Amino acid sequence: MKIGVLGPLSVDHNCSSIVPTAGKPRQVLTMLALRAGHTVAVSTLMEEVWGDAVPRSAATTLQTYILQLRRQIAGTLPAGSALTPKDVLATSFGGYRLTPGVESHDSAEFQRLALRGGAALEAGDPRAAADLLTRALNLWRGPALGDVPRGVVLELEAISMEESRMQVLEQRIEADLRLGRYSSLIAELRVLTARHPLNENLCAQLMTAFYCSGNTWRAMEEFRRLRDCVRRELGVEPSPRLQRMHQAVLNAESLPRTLRTQLPFAVD
C-alpha cells in the first residue's frame, strides 16, 4: 500500500486507489492512513467526523463508512487472494486499524529525511543537509490533506505537518546560506517573507542573503518591513535577536549564525 498525505490524499492498494469521493468516508480513511498499523479509537473517529454534535446513529453510520472502505479494498484484491478486506482494514479492540504492508508513506519518509538532514546540519555538513532536506521537501504535493474535509483532529494534524514543513524549509535555507548561495536564495526568501510576514527566521535569513551579497540597504529595508509589521499587528518590537542583527548590519559587522536563526542547528 502506498499512502500520501503531504498534499491531496492518496491511498493505493495493489496500484488501485481506495480513496472514496464522499467527504466523511474520506475523513475516516485519512485518520486510518495517518496512523497506519495502529488502532484508531472509535471515539476519535467520531470526534473527527462529527465534532461535538455526535448523533445517536454515529456508531451505525461509522460502521457503514468502514463497510464502504472495505468494499473499495475488495475491488483491489486479486482473484484467489488469501487476504480479505477485513485483513487490510481490521476491527480491533475499541477501534479500527489499517494493517497493510505499507510500501511507502510520504509522511514517514519526510520525517526520516528531515531527521537525517537536521543531523547533517548539526554535524557541520551543509551540503549533505541541503540535499537531504530538499529531498524531504520535494515529497510535498500541495497543502497537507489538501482535499480532505477536516474536523478538529485532522485540522490539528494538518497544522502540525505544515509547521514541520516550514521548519525543514528554514533548515534547508540555513544549509544553503552556509554554502554561500546568497544571491540564489533572495527570490525564494522574498516570496516566503511575503507569505509569512511575521516570521523572524525568514526575515533574518533574507537579511543575511541581502547583506552577504552586497545589498546592505536592502537588508536594512527588510528589517524595517518586519519591524513595522510586528508593531502594527502585535504592538511589540522585533526580538532582541533580530535587533542585534540589524545593529550588526548597521556596523558592517559579520552576522553570527545564532542571530540569523533560532533553529537548533545554528551554531558557530
C-alpha atoms as a PDB file:
ATOM      1  CA  MET A   1       0.000   0.000   0.000  1.00  0.00           C
ATOM      2  CA  LYS A   2       1.200   3.477  -0.858  1.00  0.00           C
ATOM      3  CA  ILE A   3      -0.024   6.311   1.350  1.00  0.00           C
ATOM      4  CA  GLY A   4       0.291  10.018   0.615  1.00  0.00           C
ATOM      5  CA  VAL A   5      -0.897  12.774   2.955  1.00  0.00           C
ATOM      6  CA  LEU A   6       1.562  15.568   2.062  1.00  0.00           C
ATOM      7  CA  GLY A   7      -0.919  17.091  -0.359  1.00  0.00           C
ATOM      8  CA  PRO A   8      -4.159  15.566  -1.685  1.00  0.00           C
ATOM      9  CA  LEU A   9      -4.964  12.260  -0.011  1.00  0.00           C
ATOM     10  CA  SER A  10      -3.591   9.266  -1.890  1.00  0.00           C
ATOM     11  CA  VAL A  11      -4.052   5.674  -0.732  1.00  0.00           C
ATOM     12  CA  ASP A  12      -3.297   2.997  -3.319  1.00  0.00           C
ATOM     13  CA  HIS A  13      -3.660  -0.724  -2.693  1.00  0.00           C
ATOM     14  CA  ASN A  14      -2.307  -3.053  -5.365  1.00  0.00           C
ATOM     15  CA  CYS A  15      -1.856   0.001  -7.614  1.00  0.00           C
ATOM     16  CA  SER A  16      -5.534   0.997  -7.305  1.00  0.00           C
ATOM     17  CA  SER A  17      -6.901   3.936  -5.339  1.00  0.00           C
ATOM     18  CA  ILE A  18      -9.187   3.210  -2.398  1.00  0.00           C
ATOM     19  CA  VAL A  19      -9.910   6.874  -1.663  1.00  0.00           C
ATOM     20  CA  PRO A  20     -13.689   7.461  -1.586  1.00  0.00           C
ATOM     21  CA  THR A  21     -15.252  10.540  -3.137  1.00  0.00           C
ATOM     22  CA  ALA A  22     -17.642  11.239  -0.241  1.00  0.00           C
ATOM     23  CA  GLY A  23     -16.299  13.566   2.427  1.00  0.00           C
ATOM     24  CA  LYS A  24     -16.905  11.680   5.672  1.00  0.00           C
ATOM     25  CA  PRO A  25     -15.576   8.294   4.498  1.00  0.00           C
ATOM     26  CA  ARG A  26     -12.571  10.206   3.182  1.00  0.00           C
ATOM     27  CA  GLN A  27     -12.042  11.677   6.667  1.00  0.00           C
ATOM     28  CA  VAL A  28     -12.183   8.202   8.190  1.00  0.00           C
ATOM     29  CA  LEU A  29      -9.674   6.810   5.687  1.00  0.00           C
ATOM     30  CA  THR A  30      -7.364   9.763   6.319  1.00  0.00           C
ATOM     31  CA  MET A  31      -7.411   9.125  10.056  1.00  0.00           C
ATOM     32  CA  LEU A  32      -6.556   5.466   9.476  1.00  0.00           C
ATOM     33  CA  ALA A  33      -3.875   6.280   6.893  1.00  0.00           C
ATOM     34  CA  LEU A  34      -2.131   8.745   9.196  1.00  0.00           C
ATOM     35  CA  ARG A  35      -1.846   6.003  11.817  1.00  0.00           C
ATOM     36  CA  ALA A  36      -1.379   3.013   9.523  1.00  0.00           C
ATOM     37  CA  GLY A  37      -0.554  -0.059  11.580  1.00  0.00           C
ATOM     38  CA  HIS A  38      -2.082   1.405  14.734  1.00  0.00           C
ATOM     39  CA  THR A  39      -5.605   1.283  16.099  1.00  0.00           C
ATOM     40  CA  VAL A  40      -7.667   4.454  15.819  1.00  0.00           C
ATOM     41  CA  ALA A  41     -10.336   4.556  18.523  1.00  0.00           C
ATOM     42  CA  VAL A  42     -13.979   4.771  17.517  1.00  0.00           C
ATOM     43  CA  SER A  43     -14.337   7.794  19.796  1.00  0.00           C
ATOM     44  CA  THR A  44     -11.505   9.575  17.951  1.00  0.00           C
ATOM     45  CA  LEU A  45     -13.086   8.846  14.575  1.00  0.00           C
ATOM     46  CA  MET A  46     -16.423  10.156  15.822  1.00  0.00           C
ATOM     47  CA  GLU A  47     -14.810  13.312  17.175  1.00  0.00           C
ATOM     48  CA  GLU A  48     -13.201  13.955  13.800  1.00  0.00           C
ATOM     49  CA  VAL A  49     -16.323  13.313  11.732  1.00  0.00           C
ATOM     50  CA  TRP A  50     -18.963  14.944  13.939  1.00  0.00           C
ATOM     51  CA  GLY A  51     -17.128  17.105  16.467  1.00  0.00           C
ATOM     52  CA  ASP A  52     -19.272  17.927  19.488  1.00  0.00           C
ATOM     53  CA  ALA A  53     -22.506  17.119  17.636  1.00  0.00           C
ATOM     54  CA  VAL A  54     -22.266  13.321  17.598  1.00  0.00           C
ATOM     55  CA  PRO A  55     -25.655  11.920  16.524  1.00  0.00           C
ATOM     56  CA  ARG A  56     -27.286   8.880  18.113  1.00  0.00           C
ATOM     57  CA  SER A  57     -26.733   6.982  14.895  1.00  0.00           C
ATOM     58  CA  ALA A  58     -22.982   7.732  14.851  1.00  0.00           C
ATOM     59  CA  ALA A  59     -21.812   4.202  15.657  1.00  0.00           C
ATOM     60  CA  THR A  60     -24.000   2.673  12.953  1.00  0.00           C
ATOM     61  CA  THR A  61     -23.045   5.338  10.437  1.00  0.00           C
ATOM     62  CA  LEU A  62     -19.346   4.870  11.173  1.00  0.00           C
ATOM     63  CA  GLN A  63     -19.735   1.127  10.575  1.00  0.00           C
ATOM     64  CA  THR A  64     -21.307   1.996   7.218  1.00  0.00           C
ATOM     65  CA  TYR A  65     -18.276   4.109   6.305  1.00  0.00           C
ATOM     66  CA  ILE A  66     -15.960   1.245   7.263  1.00  0.00           C
ATOM     67  CA  LEU A  67     -18.026  -1.121   5.115  1.00  0.00           C
ATOM     68  CA  GLN A  68     -17.730   1.292   2.174  1.00  0.00           C
ATOM     69  CA  LEU A  69     -13.961   1.410   2.590  1.00  0.00           C
ATOM     70  CA  ARG A  70     -13.758  -2.380   2.757  1.00  0.00           C
ATOM     71  CA  ARG A  71     -15.728  -2.588  -0.477  1.00  0.00           C
ATOM     72  CA  GLN A  72     -13.181  -0.249  -2.052  1.00  0.00           C
ATOM     73  CA  ILE A  73     -10.400  -2.511  -0.786  1.00  0.00           C
ATOM     74  CA  ALA A  74     -12.176  -5.637  -2.054  1.00  0.00           C
ATOM     75  CA  GLY A  75     -12.007  -4.241  -5.563  1.00  0.00           C
ATOM     76  CA  THR A  76      -8.213  -4.102  -5.353  1.00  0.00           C
ATOM     77  CA  LEU A  77      -7.662  -7.698  -4.218  1.00  0.00           C
ATOM     78  CA  PRO A  78      -6.620 -10.192  -6.894  1.00  0.00           C
ATOM     79  CA  ALA A  79      -8.784 -13.242  -7.520  1.00  0.00           C
ATOM     80  CA  GLY A  80      -7.968 -16.009  -5.100  1.00  0.00           C
ATOM     81  CA  SER A  81      -6.157 -13.706  -2.704  1.00  0.00           C
ATOM     82  CA  ALA A  82      -5.714 -15.063   0.797  1.00  0.00           C
ATOM     83  CA  LEU A  83      -6.248 -11.527   2.082  1.00  0.00           C
ATOM     84  CA  THR A  84      -9.718 -10.239   2.805  1.00  0.00           C
ATOM     85  CA  PRO A  85     -10.849  -6.622   3.158  1.00  0.00           C
ATOM     86  CA  LYS A  86     -11.105  -7.229   6.911  1.00  0.00           C
ATOM     87  CA  ASP A  87      -7.439  -8.216   6.954  1.00  0.00           C
ATOM     88  CA  VAL A  88      -6.478  -4.900   5.374  1.00  0.00           C
ATOM     89  CA  LEU A  89      -8.900  -2.759   7.387  1.00  0.00           C
ATOM     90  CA  ALA A  90      -9.182  -4.654  10.630  1.00  0.00           C
ATOM     91  CA  THR A  91     -11.531  -4.277  13.550  1.00  0.00           C
ATOM     92  CA  SER A  92      -9.550  -4.181  16.766  1.00  0.00           C
ATOM     93  CA  PHE A  93     -10.493  -3.576  20.369  1.00  0.00           C
ATOM     94  CA  GLY A  94     -12.220  -0.203  20.546  1.00  0.00           C
ATOM     95  CA  GLY A  95     -11.438   0.869  17.005  1.00  0.00           C
ATOM     96  CA  TYR A  96     -10.142   0.119  13.536  1.00  0.00           C
ATOM     97  CA  ARG A  97      -6.698  -0.381  12.084  1.00  0.00           C
ATOM     98  CA  LEU A  98      -5.312  -0.170   8.574  1.00  0.00           C
ATOM     99  CA  THR A  99      -2.956  -3.155   8.531  1.00  0.00           C
ATOM    100  CA  PRO A 100      -1.368  -3.398   5.107  1.00  0.00           C
ATOM    101  CA  GLY A 101       2.247  -3.965   4.307  1.00  0.00           C
ATOM    102  CA  VAL A 102       2.930  -0.296   3.638  1.00  0.00           C
ATOM    103  CA  GLU A 103       5.288   0.075   0.673  1.00  0.00           C
ATOM    104  CA  SER A 104       5.619   3.805   1.159  1.00  0.00           C
ATOM    105  CA  HIS A 105       4.212   6.545   3.382  1.00  0.00           C
ATOM    106  CA  ASP A 106       5.250  10.030   2.337  1.00  0.00           C
ATOM    107  CA  SER A 107       4.886  11.474   5.837  1.00  0.00           C
ATOM    108  CA  ALA A 108       7.161   8.819   7.348  1.00  0.00           C
ATOM    109  CA  GLU A 109       9.707   9.301   4.556  1.00  0.00           C
ATOM    110  CA  PHE A 110       9.574  13.078   5.065  1.00  0.00           C
ATOM    111  CA  GLN A 111      10.308  12.683   8.765  1.00  0.00           C
ATOM    112  CA  ARG A 112      13.159  10.248   8.077  1.00  0.00           C
ATOM    113  CA  LEU A 113      14.860  12.565   5.571  1.00  0.00           C
ATOM    114  CA  ALA A 114      14.246  15.612   7.769  1.00  0.00           C
ATOM    115  CA  LEU A 115      15.929  13.953  10.755  1.00  0.00           C
ATOM    116  CA  ARG A 116      18.918  12.935   8.654  1.00  0.00           C
ATOM    117  CA  GLY A 117      19.162  16.407   7.134  1.00  0.00           C
ATOM    118  CA  GLY A 118      18.957  18.092  10.511  1.00  0.00           C
ATOM    119  CA  ALA A 119      21.646  15.806  11.877  1.00  0.00           C
ATOM    120  CA  ALA A 120      23.907  16.596   8.910  1.00  0.00           C
ATOM    121  CA  LEU A 121      23.436  20.317   9.500  1.00  0.00           C
ATOM    122  CA  GLU A 122      24.246  19.898  13.182  1.00  0.00           C
ATOM    123  CA  ALA A 123      27.341  17.888  12.260  1.00  0.00           C
ATOM    124  CA  GLY A 124      28.624  20.714  10.061  1.00  0.00           C
ATOM    125  CA  ASP A 125      27.877  19.148   6.664  1.00  0.00           C
ATOM    126  CA  PRO A 126      25.629  21.714   4.949  1.00  0.00           C
ATOM    127  CA  ARG A 127      25.981  20.120   1.512  1.00  0.00           C
ATOM    128  CA  ALA A 128      24.563  16.788   2.668  1.00  0.00           C
ATOM    129  CA  ALA A 129      21.963  18.639   4.743  1.00  0.00           C
ATOM    130  CA  ALA A 130      20.793  20.697   1.769  1.00  0.00           C
ATOM    131  CA  ASP A 131      20.428  17.550  -0.343  1.00  0.00           C
ATOM    132  CA  LEU A 132      18.518  15.570   2.288  1.00  0.00           C
ATOM    133  CA  LEU A 133      16.244  18.450   3.267  1.00  0.00           C
ATOM    134  CA  THR A 134      15.498  19.240  -0.387  1.00  0.00           C
ATOM    135  CA  ARG A 135      14.525  15.607  -0.934  1.00  0.00           C
ATOM    136  CA  ALA A 136      12.222  15.808   2.084  1.00  0.00           C
ATOM    137  CA  LEU A 137      10.534  18.967   0.825  1.00  0.00           C
ATOM    138  CA  ASN A 138      10.121  17.522  -2.671  1.00  0.00           C
ATOM    139  CA  LEU A 139       7.779  14.892  -1.231  1.00  0.00           C
ATOM    140  CA  TRP A 140       5.140  17.580  -0.738  1.00  0.00           C
ATOM    141  CA  ARG A 141       2.493  17.794  -3.475  1.00  0.00           C
ATOM    142  CA  GLY A 142       0.482  20.662  -2.008  1.00  0.00           C
ATOM    143  CA  PRO A 143      -1.041  21.719   1.329  1.00  0.00           C
ATOM    144  CA  ALA A 144      -1.280  18.883   3.845  1.00  0.00           C
ATOM    145  CA  LEU A 145      -4.523  16.916   3.410  1.00  0.00           C
ATOM    146  CA  GLY A 146      -5.496  19.493   0.821  1.00  0.00           C
ATOM    147  CA  ASP A 147      -8.610  17.727  -0.500  1.00  0.00           C
ATOM    148  CA  VAL A 148      -9.892  16.246   2.766  1.00  0.00           C
ATOM    149  CA  PRO A 149     -12.724  17.796   4.827  1.00  0.00           C
ATOM    150  CA  ARG A 150     -11.173  18.422   8.218  1.00  0.00           C
ATOM    151  CA  GLY A 151     -12.670  18.226  11.653  1.00  0.00           C
ATOM    152  CA  VAL A 152     -10.815  19.174  14.809  1.00  0.00           C
ATOM    153  CA  VAL A 153      -8.476  16.160  14.802  1.00  0.00           C
ATOM    154  CA  LEU A 154      -7.366  16.399  11.184  1.00  0.00           C
ATOM    155  CA  GLU A 155      -7.099  20.174  11.418  1.00  0.00           C
ATOM    156  CA  LEU A 156      -4.537  19.804  14.199  1.00  0.00           C
ATOM    157  CA  GLU A 157      -2.725  17.111  12.202  1.00  0.00           C
ATOM    158  CA  ALA A 158      -2.553  19.374   9.150  1.00  0.00           C
ATOM    159  CA  ILE A 159      -1.275  22.309  11.210  1.00  0.00           C
ATOM    160  CA  SER A 160       1.424  20.118  12.746  1.00  0.00           C
ATOM    161  CA  MET A 161       2.529  18.815   9.347  1.00  0.00           C
ATOM    162  CA  GLU A 162       2.681  22.318   7.873  1.00  0.00           C
ATOM    163  CA  GLU A 163       4.732  23.530  10.843  1.00  0.00           C
ATOM    164  CA  SER A 164       7.164  20.651  10.293  1.00  0.00           C
ATOM    165  CA  ARG A 165       7.361  21.572   6.628  1.00  0.00           C
ATOM    166  CA  MET A 166       8.230  25.172   7.493  1.00  0.00           C
ATOM    167  CA  GLN A 167      10.885  24.111   9.990  1.00  0.00           C
ATOM    168  CA  VAL A 168      12.523  21.859   7.398  1.00  0.00           C
ATOM    169  CA  LEU A 169      12.352  24.638   4.815  1.00  0.00           C
ATOM    170  CA  GLU A 170      14.116  27.019   7.208  1.00  0.00           C
ATOM    171  CA  GLN A 171      16.765  24.369   7.864  1.00  0.00           C
ATOM    172  CA  ARG A 172      17.312  23.869   4.146  1.00  0.00           C
ATOM    173  CA  ILE A 173      17.712  27.628   3.631  1.00  0.00           C
ATOM    174  CA  GLU A 174      20.171  27.713   6.537  1.00  0.00           C
ATOM    175  CA  ALA A 175      22.179  24.958   4.828  1.00  0.00           C
ATOM    176  CA  ASP A 176      22.200  26.939   1.576  1.00  0.00           C
ATOM    177  CA  LEU A 177      23.330  30.067   3.420  1.00  0.00           C
ATOM    178  CA  ARG A 178      26.235  28.128   4.913  1.00  0.00           C
ATOM    179  CA  LEU A 179      27.149  27.082   1.374  1.00  0.00           C
ATOM    180  CA  GLY A 180      27.278  30.747   0.323  1.00  0.00           C
ATOM    181  CA  ARG A 181      24.273  30.584  -2.010  1.00  0.00           C
ATOM    182  CA  TYR A 182      23.181  34.079  -1.026  1.00  0.00           C
ATOM    183  CA  SER A 183      22.044  35.569  -4.331  1.00  0.00           C
ATOM    184  CA  SER A 184      20.166  32.456  -5.430  1.00  0.00           C
ATOM    185  CA  LEU A 185      18.101  32.483  -2.209  1.00  0.00           C
ATOM    186  CA  ILE A 186      16.835  36.048  -2.460  1.00  0.00           C
ATOM    187  CA  ALA A 187      13.870  35.449  -4.785  1.00  0.00           C
ATOM    188  CA  GLU A 188      12.656  32.446  -2.780  1.00  0.00           C
ATOM    189  CA  LEU A 189      13.001  34.278   0.524  1.00  0.00           C
ATOM    190  CA  ARG A 190      11.169  37.344  -0.758  1.00  0.00           C
ATOM    191  CA  VAL A 191       8.191  35.150  -1.666  1.00  0.00           C
ATOM    192  CA  LEU A 192       8.328  33.399   1.708  1.00  0.00           C
ATOM    193  CA  THR A 193       8.517  36.616   3.734  1.00  0.00           C
ATOM    194  CA  ALA A 194       5.548  37.964   1.774  1.00  0.00           C
ATOM    195  CA  ARG A 195       3.553  34.851   2.688  1.00  0.00           C
ATOM    196  CA  HIS A 196       4.775  34.804   6.301  1.00  0.00           C
ATOM    197  CA  PRO A 197       5.377  38.479   7.138  1.00  0.00           C
ATOM    198  CA  LEU A 198       5.814  37.893  10.898  1.00  0.00           C
ATOM    199  CA  ASN A 199       8.313  35.031  10.625  1.00  0.00           C
ATOM    200  CA  GLU A 200      11.554  36.349  12.134  1.00  0.00           C
ATOM    201  CA  ASN A 201      13.667  33.397  10.986  1.00  0.00           C
ATOM    202  CA  LEU A 202      12.773  34.043   7.352  1.00  0.00           C
ATOM    203  CA  CYS A 203      13.364  37.770   7.808  1.00  0.00           C
ATOM    204  CA  ALA A 204      16.788  37.121   9.327  1.00  0.00           C
ATOM    205  CA  GLN A 205      17.671  34.717   6.542  1.00  0.00           C
ATOM    206  CA  LEU A 206      16.644  37.238   3.889  1.00  0.00           C
ATOM    207  CA  MET A 207      18.647  39.948   5.663  1.00  0.00           C
ATOM    208  CA  THR A 208      21.644  37.596   5.575  1.00  0.00           C
ATOM    209  CA  ALA A 209      21.181  36.843   1.879  1.00  0.00           C
ATOM    210  CA  PHE A 210      20.948  40.548   1.057  1.00  0.00           C
ATOM    211  CA  TYR A 211      23.836  41.595   3.292  1.00  0.00           C
ATOM    212  CA  CYS A 212      26.227  38.851   2.206  1.00  0.00           C
ATOM    213  CA  SER A 213      25.507  39.510  -1.467  1.00  0.00           C
ATOM    214  CA  GLY A 214      26.399  43.185  -1.062  1.00  0.00           C
ATOM    215  CA  ASN A 215      22.896  44.662  -0.670  1.00  0.00           C
ATOM    216  CA  THR A 216      23.202  46.227   2.773  1.00  0.00           C
ATOM    217  CA  TRP A 217      20.436  48.770   2.236  1.00  0.00           C
ATOM    218  CA  ARG A 218      18.006  46.023   1.243  1.00  0.00           C
ATOM    219  CA  ALA A 219      18.884  44.076   4.392  1.00  0.00           C
ATOM    220  CA  MET A 220      18.052  47.171   6.429  1.00  0.00           C
ATOM    221  CA  GLU A 221      14.858  47.653   4.434  1.00  0.00           C
ATOM    222  CA  GLU A 222      13.784  44.081   5.254  1.00  0.00           C
ATOM    223  CA  PHE A 223      14.322  44.728   8.966  1.00  0.00           C
ATOM    224  CA  ARG A 224      12.181  47.862   8.755  1.00  0.00           C
ATOM    225  CA  ARG A 225       9.448  45.920   6.958  1.00  0.00           C
ATOM    226  CA  LEU A 226       9.271  43.320   9.712  1.00  0.00           C
ATOM    227  CA  ARG A 227       9.522  45.935  12.476  1.00  0.00           C
ATOM    228  CA  ASP A 228       6.603  47.887  11.004  1.00  0.00           C
ATOM    229  CA  CYS A 229       4.611  44.684  10.602  1.00  0.00           C
ATOM    230  CA  VAL A 230       5.064  43.424  14.167  1.00  0.00           C
ATOM    231  CA  ARG A 231       4.339  46.872  15.565  1.00  0.00           C
ATOM    232  CA  ARG A 232       1.144  47.098  13.543  1.00  0.00           C
ATOM    233  CA  GLU A 233      -0.074  43.527  14.032  1.00  0.00           C
ATOM    234  CA  LEU A 234       1.208  42.714  17.524  1.00  0.00           C
ATOM    235  CA  GLY A 235       2.038  46.034  19.136  1.00  0.00           C
ATOM    236  CA  VAL A 236       5.569  44.911  20.028  1.00  0.00           C
ATOM    237  CA  GLU A 237       9.124  45.362  18.791  1.00  0.00           C
ATOM    238  CA  PRO A 238      11.174  42.749  16.926  1.00  0.00           C
ATOM    239  CA  SER A 239      13.020  40.295  19.147  1.00  0.00           C
ATOM    240  CA  PRO A 240      16.367  41.313  20.692  1.00  0.00           C
ATOM    241  CA  ARG A 241      17.993  38.731  18.423  1.00  0.00           C
ATOM    242  CA  LEU A 242      16.765  40.483  15.273  1.00  0.00           C
ATOM    243  CA  GLN A 243      17.584  43.908  16.675  1.00  0.00           C
ATOM    244  CA  ARG A 244      21.159  42.757  17.328  1.00  0.00           C
ATOM    245  CA  MET A 245      21.336  41.514  13.779  1.00  0.00           C
ATOM    246  CA  HIS A 246      20.127  44.879  12.493  1.00  0.00           C
ATOM    247  CA  GLN A 247      22.804  46.597  14.557  1.00  0.00           C
ATOM    248  CA  ALA A 248      25.451  44.279  13.110  1.00  0.00           C
ATOM    249  CA  VAL A 249      24.329  45.250   9.600  1.00  0.00           C
ATOM    250  CA  LEU A 250      24.478  48.945  10.511  1.00  0.00           C
ATOM    251  CA  ASN A 251      28.003  48.474  11.852  1.00  0.00           C
ATOM    252  CA  ALA A 252      29.098  46.406   8.826  1.00  0.00           C
ATOM    253  CA  GLU A 253      29.955  43.503  11.129  1.00  0.00           C
ATOM    254  CA  SER A 254      29.799  39.782  10.393  1.00  0.00           C
ATOM    255  CA  LEU A 255      26.489  38.061  11.109  1.00  0.00           C
ATOM    256  CA  PRO A 256      26.751  35.160  13.580  1.00  0.00           C
ATOM    257  CA  ARG A 257      24.545  32.213  12.712  1.00  0.00           C
ATOM    258  CA  THR A 258      22.986  32.379  16.153  1.00  0.00           C
ATOM    259  CA  LEU A 259      21.476  35.737  15.204  1.00  0.00           C
ATOM    260  CA  ARG A 260      20.013  34.757  11.871  1.00  0.00           C
ATOM    261  CA  THR A 261      18.032  31.735  13.027  1.00  0.00           C
ATOM    262  CA  GLN A 262      16.655  30.062  16.138  1.00  0.00           C
ATOM    263  CA  LEU A 263      16.959  26.632  14.589  1.00  0.00           C
ATOM    264  CA  PRO A 264      18.616  24.147  16.933  1.00  0.00           C
ATOM    265  CA  PHE A 265      21.417  23.530  14.434  1.00  0.00           C
ATOM    266  CA  ALA A 266      22.511  27.160  14.021  1.00  0.00           C
ATOM    267  CA  VAL A 267      25.759  27.168  15.945  1.00  0.00           C
ATOM    268  CA  ASP A 268      29.163  28.530  15.056  1.00  0.00           C
END
